[in-house]
């Protein structure tokens, strides 16, 4: 038995700008470092490295900024199927035993529960 084709997708369009200026890159790196180091017992920060080192690393990095113009999101989670068929899709996905299949099974159940409540 196949589980059918179910999916979620998001398409984003926008204007892309390359960021090569040191101050932009330093800000991006500082924020990312703070996020990644937040749960560490002794978090590291850019201030822990010599400024010359950070400047040299920034010359090898190109940042990207996307000013989003449009977002299109869609999903197909067996909402066009009968309740019996949806239950079979969920069961088939759960039999696969993978994290992704379990996640999709949960989404199919959740979305279709909401549809039946409308």
C-alpha atoms as a PDB file:
ATOM      1  CA  UNK A   1       0.000   0.000   0.000  1.00  0.00           C
ATOM      2  CA  UNK A   2       1.324   3.432  -0.845  1.00  0.00           C
ATOM      3  CA  UNK A   3       0.691   6.410   1.358  1.00  0.00           C
ATOM      4  CA  UNK A   4      -0.026   8.775  -1.548  1.00  0.00           C
ATOM      5  CA  UNK A   5       1.600  12.058  -2.270  1.00  0.00           C
ATOM      6  CA  UNK A   6       1.317  14.560   0.538  1.00  0.00           C
ATOM      7  CA  UNK A   7       3.418  17.682   0.828  1.00  0.00           C
ATOM      8  CA  UNK A   8       3.936  21.124   2.303  1.00  0.00           C
ATOM      9  CA  UNK A   9       5.740  23.817   0.383  1.00  0.00           C
ATOM     10  CA  UNK A  10       6.570  27.481   0.674  1.00  0.00           C
ATOM     11  CA  UNK A  11       7.751  29.610  -2.239  1.00  0.00           C
ATOM     12  CA  UNK A  12       9.301  32.945  -1.382  1.00  0.00           C
ATOM     13  CA  UNK A  13      10.295  35.577  -3.911  1.00  0.00           C
ATOM     14  CA  UNK A  14      12.157  38.755  -3.219  1.00  0.00           C
ATOM     15  CA  UNK A  15      14.960  41.105  -4.062  1.00  0.00           C
ATOM     16  CA  UNK A  16      18.401  39.765  -3.187  1.00  0.00           C
ATOM     17  CA  UNK A  17      21.240  41.995  -2.124  1.00  0.00           C
ATOM     18  CA  UNK A  18      24.805  40.903  -1.421  1.00  0.00           C
ATOM     19  CA  UNK A  19      26.296  42.207   1.804  1.00  0.00           C
ATOM     20  CA  UNK A  20      30.057  42.528   1.791  1.00  0.00           C
ATOM     21  CA  UNK A  21      30.522  45.512   4.114  1.00  0.00           C
ATOM     22  CA  UNK A  22      32.334  44.601   7.326  1.00  0.00           C
ATOM     23  CA  UNK A  23      29.748  46.200   9.635  1.00  0.00           C
ATOM     24  CA  UNK A  24      26.865  44.163   8.128  1.00  0.00           C
ATOM     25  CA  UNK A  25      28.807  40.921   8.231  1.00  0.00           C
ATOM     26  CA  UNK A  26      29.994  41.543  11.773  1.00  0.00           C
ATOM     27  CA  UNK A  27      26.394  42.136  12.891  1.00  0.00           C
ATOM     28  CA  UNK A  28      25.194  38.936  11.190  1.00  0.00           C
ATOM     29  CA  UNK A  29      28.058  36.884  12.642  1.00  0.00           C
ATOM     30  CA  UNK A  30      27.509  38.320  16.113  1.00  0.00           C
ATOM     31  CA  UNK A  31      23.814  37.394  16.075  1.00  0.00           C
ATOM     32  CA  UNK A  32      24.440  33.913  14.686  1.00  0.00           C
ATOM     33  CA  UNK A  33      27.221  33.243  17.168  1.00  0.00           C
ATOM     34  CA  UNK A  34      25.022  34.363  20.060  1.00  0.00           C
ATOM     35  CA  UNK A  35      22.214  32.060  18.870  1.00  0.00           C
ATOM     36  CA  UNK A  36      24.472  29.029  18.365  1.00  0.00           C
ATOM     37  CA  UNK A  37      26.390  29.547  21.601  1.00  0.00           C
ATOM     38  CA  UNK A  38      23.365  30.376  23.791  1.00  0.00           C
ATOM     39  CA  UNK A  39      23.108  26.905  25.358  1.00  0.00           C
ATOM     40  CA  UNK A  40      26.817  26.333  25.834  1.00  0.00           C
ATOM     41  CA  UNK A  41      28.291  26.295  29.358  1.00  0.00           C
ATOM     42  CA  UNK A  42      30.933  28.844  28.302  1.00  0.00           C
ATOM     43  CA  UNK A  43      29.489  30.660  25.279  1.00  0.00           C
ATOM     44  CA  UNK A  44      31.986  32.046  22.796  1.00  0.00           C
ATOM     45  CA  UNK A  45      31.505  35.449  21.168  1.00  0.00           C
ATOM     46  CA  UNK A  46      33.213  37.371  18.411  1.00  0.00           C
ATOM     47  CA  UNK A  47      34.783  39.566  21.087  1.00  0.00           C
ATOM     48  CA  UNK A  48      36.802  36.512  22.185  1.00  0.00           C
ATOM     49  CA  UNK A  49      38.769  36.535  18.915  1.00  0.00           C
ATOM     50  CA  UNK A  50      41.333  39.066  17.762  1.00  0.00           C
ATOM     51  CA  UNK A  51      39.765  41.763  15.598  1.00  0.00           C
ATOM     52  CA  UNK A  52      42.281  41.021  12.816  1.00  0.00           C
ATOM     53  CA  UNK A  53      41.082  37.424  12.694  1.00  0.00           C
ATOM     54  CA  UNK A  54      37.410  38.438  12.455  1.00  0.00           C
ATOM     55  CA  UNK A  55      38.217  40.981   9.739  1.00  0.00           C
ATOM     56  CA  UNK A  56      40.110  38.328   7.742  1.00  0.00           C
ATOM     57  CA  UNK A  57      37.182  35.893   8.068  1.00  0.00           C
ATOM     58  CA  UNK A  58      34.731  38.593   6.960  1.00  0.00           C
ATOM     59  CA  UNK A  59      36.699  39.055   3.724  1.00  0.00           C
ATOM     60  CA  UNK A  60      35.906  35.417   2.904  1.00  0.00           C
ATOM     61  CA  UNK A  61      32.160  35.738   3.602  1.00  0.00           C
ATOM     62  CA  UNK A  62      29.403  37.132   1.427  1.00  0.00           C
ATOM     63  CA  UNK A  63      26.176  37.847   3.265  1.00  0.00           C
ATOM     64  CA  UNK A  64      22.822  37.746   1.551  1.00  0.00           C
ATOM     65  CA  UNK A  65      19.784  39.856   2.359  1.00  0.00           C
ATOM     66  CA  UNK A  66      16.416  39.007   0.827  1.00  0.00           C
ATOM     67  CA  UNK A  67      13.668  41.608   0.928  1.00  0.00           C
ATOM     68  CA  UNK A  68      10.608  39.380   0.614  1.00  0.00           C
ATOM     69  CA  UNK A  69       7.999  40.453  -1.924  1.00  0.00           C
ATOM     70  CA  UNK A  70       5.713  37.426  -1.947  1.00  0.00           C
ATOM     71  CA  UNK A  71       5.088  34.257   0.055  1.00  0.00           C
ATOM     72  CA  UNK A  72       3.012  31.384  -1.275  1.00  0.00           C
ATOM     73  CA  UNK A  73       2.369  28.414   0.964  1.00  0.00           C
ATOM     74  CA  UNK A  74       0.405  25.322   0.058  1.00  0.00           C
ATOM     75  CA  UNK A  75      -0.183  21.820   1.257  1.00  0.00           C
ATOM     76  CA  UNK A  76      -1.852  18.640   0.166  1.00  0.00           C
ATOM     77  CA  UNK A  77      -2.490  16.396   3.124  1.00  0.00           C
ATOM     78  CA  UNK A  78      -5.174  14.061   1.782  1.00  0.00           C
ATOM     79  CA  UNK A  79      -7.882  16.601   2.561  1.00  0.00           C
ATOM     80  CA  UNK A  80      -9.636  15.645  -0.694  1.00  0.00           C
ATOM     81  CA  UNK A  81      -9.926  11.980   0.362  1.00  0.00           C
ATOM     82  CA  UNK A  82     -12.535  10.121   2.389  1.00  0.00           C
ATOM     83  CA  UNK A  83     -12.042   9.668   6.129  1.00  0.00           C
ATOM     84  CA  UNK A  84     -11.335   5.974   5.537  1.00  0.00           C
ATOM     85  CA  UNK A  85      -8.694   6.750   2.921  1.00  0.00           C
ATOM     86  CA  UNK A  86      -7.068   9.367   5.177  1.00  0.00           C
ATOM     87  CA  UNK A  87      -6.886   6.808   7.991  1.00  0.00           C
ATOM     88  CA  UNK A  88      -5.135   4.440   5.571  1.00  0.00           C
ATOM     89  CA  UNK A  89      -2.669   7.169   4.587  1.00  0.00           C
ATOM     90  CA  UNK A  90      -1.867   7.830   8.245  1.00  0.00           C
ATOM     91  CA  UNK A  91      -1.465   4.108   8.973  1.00  0.00           C
ATOM     92  CA  UNK A  92       0.762   3.641   5.920  1.00  0.00           C
ATOM     93  CA  UNK A  93       2.969   6.553   6.906  1.00  0.00           C
ATOM     94  CA  UNK A  94       3.302   5.303  10.477  1.00  0.00           C
ATOM     95  CA  UNK A  95       4.332   1.854   9.220  1.00  0.00           C
ATOM     96  CA  UNK A  96       7.321   3.419   7.479  1.00  0.00           C
ATOM     97  CA  UNK A  97       8.794   4.139  10.908  1.00  0.00           C
ATOM     98  CA  UNK A  98      10.795   7.225   9.953  1.00  0.00           C
ATOM     99  CA  UNK A  99      10.750  10.609  11.620  1.00  0.00           C
ATOM    100  CA  UNK A 100       9.664  12.341   8.400  1.00  0.00           C
ATOM    101  CA  UNK A 101       6.846   9.842   7.784  1.00  0.00           C
ATOM    102  CA  UNK A 102       5.668  10.210  11.401  1.00  0.00           C
ATOM    103  CA  UNK A 103       5.722  13.989  11.044  1.00  0.00           C
ATOM    104  CA  UNK A 104       3.651  13.807   7.848  1.00  0.00           C
ATOM    105  CA  UNK A 105       1.184  11.375   9.484  1.00  0.00           C
ATOM    106  CA  UNK A 106       0.704  13.836  12.333  1.00  0.00           C
ATOM    107  CA  UNK A 107       0.109  16.671   9.871  1.00  0.00           C
ATOM    108  CA  UNK A 108      -2.436  14.647   7.891  1.00  0.00           C
ATOM    109  CA  UNK A 109      -4.285  13.819  11.108  1.00  0.00           C
ATOM    110  CA  UNK A 110      -4.170  17.388  12.418  1.00  0.00           C
ATOM    111  CA  UNK A 111      -5.273  19.113   9.212  1.00  0.00           C
ATOM    112  CA  UNK A 112      -8.041  16.650   8.563  1.00  0.00           C
ATOM    113  CA  UNK A 113      -9.338  16.875  12.148  1.00  0.00           C
ATOM    114  CA  UNK A 114      -9.633  20.620  11.607  1.00  0.00           C
ATOM    115  CA  UNK A 115     -11.510  20.042   8.319  1.00  0.00           C
ATOM    116  CA  UNK A 116     -14.078  17.793   9.977  1.00  0.00           C
ATOM    117  CA  UNK A 117     -14.753  20.475  12.596  1.00  0.00           C
ATOM    118  CA  UNK A 118     -15.702  23.085   9.974  1.00  0.00           C
END
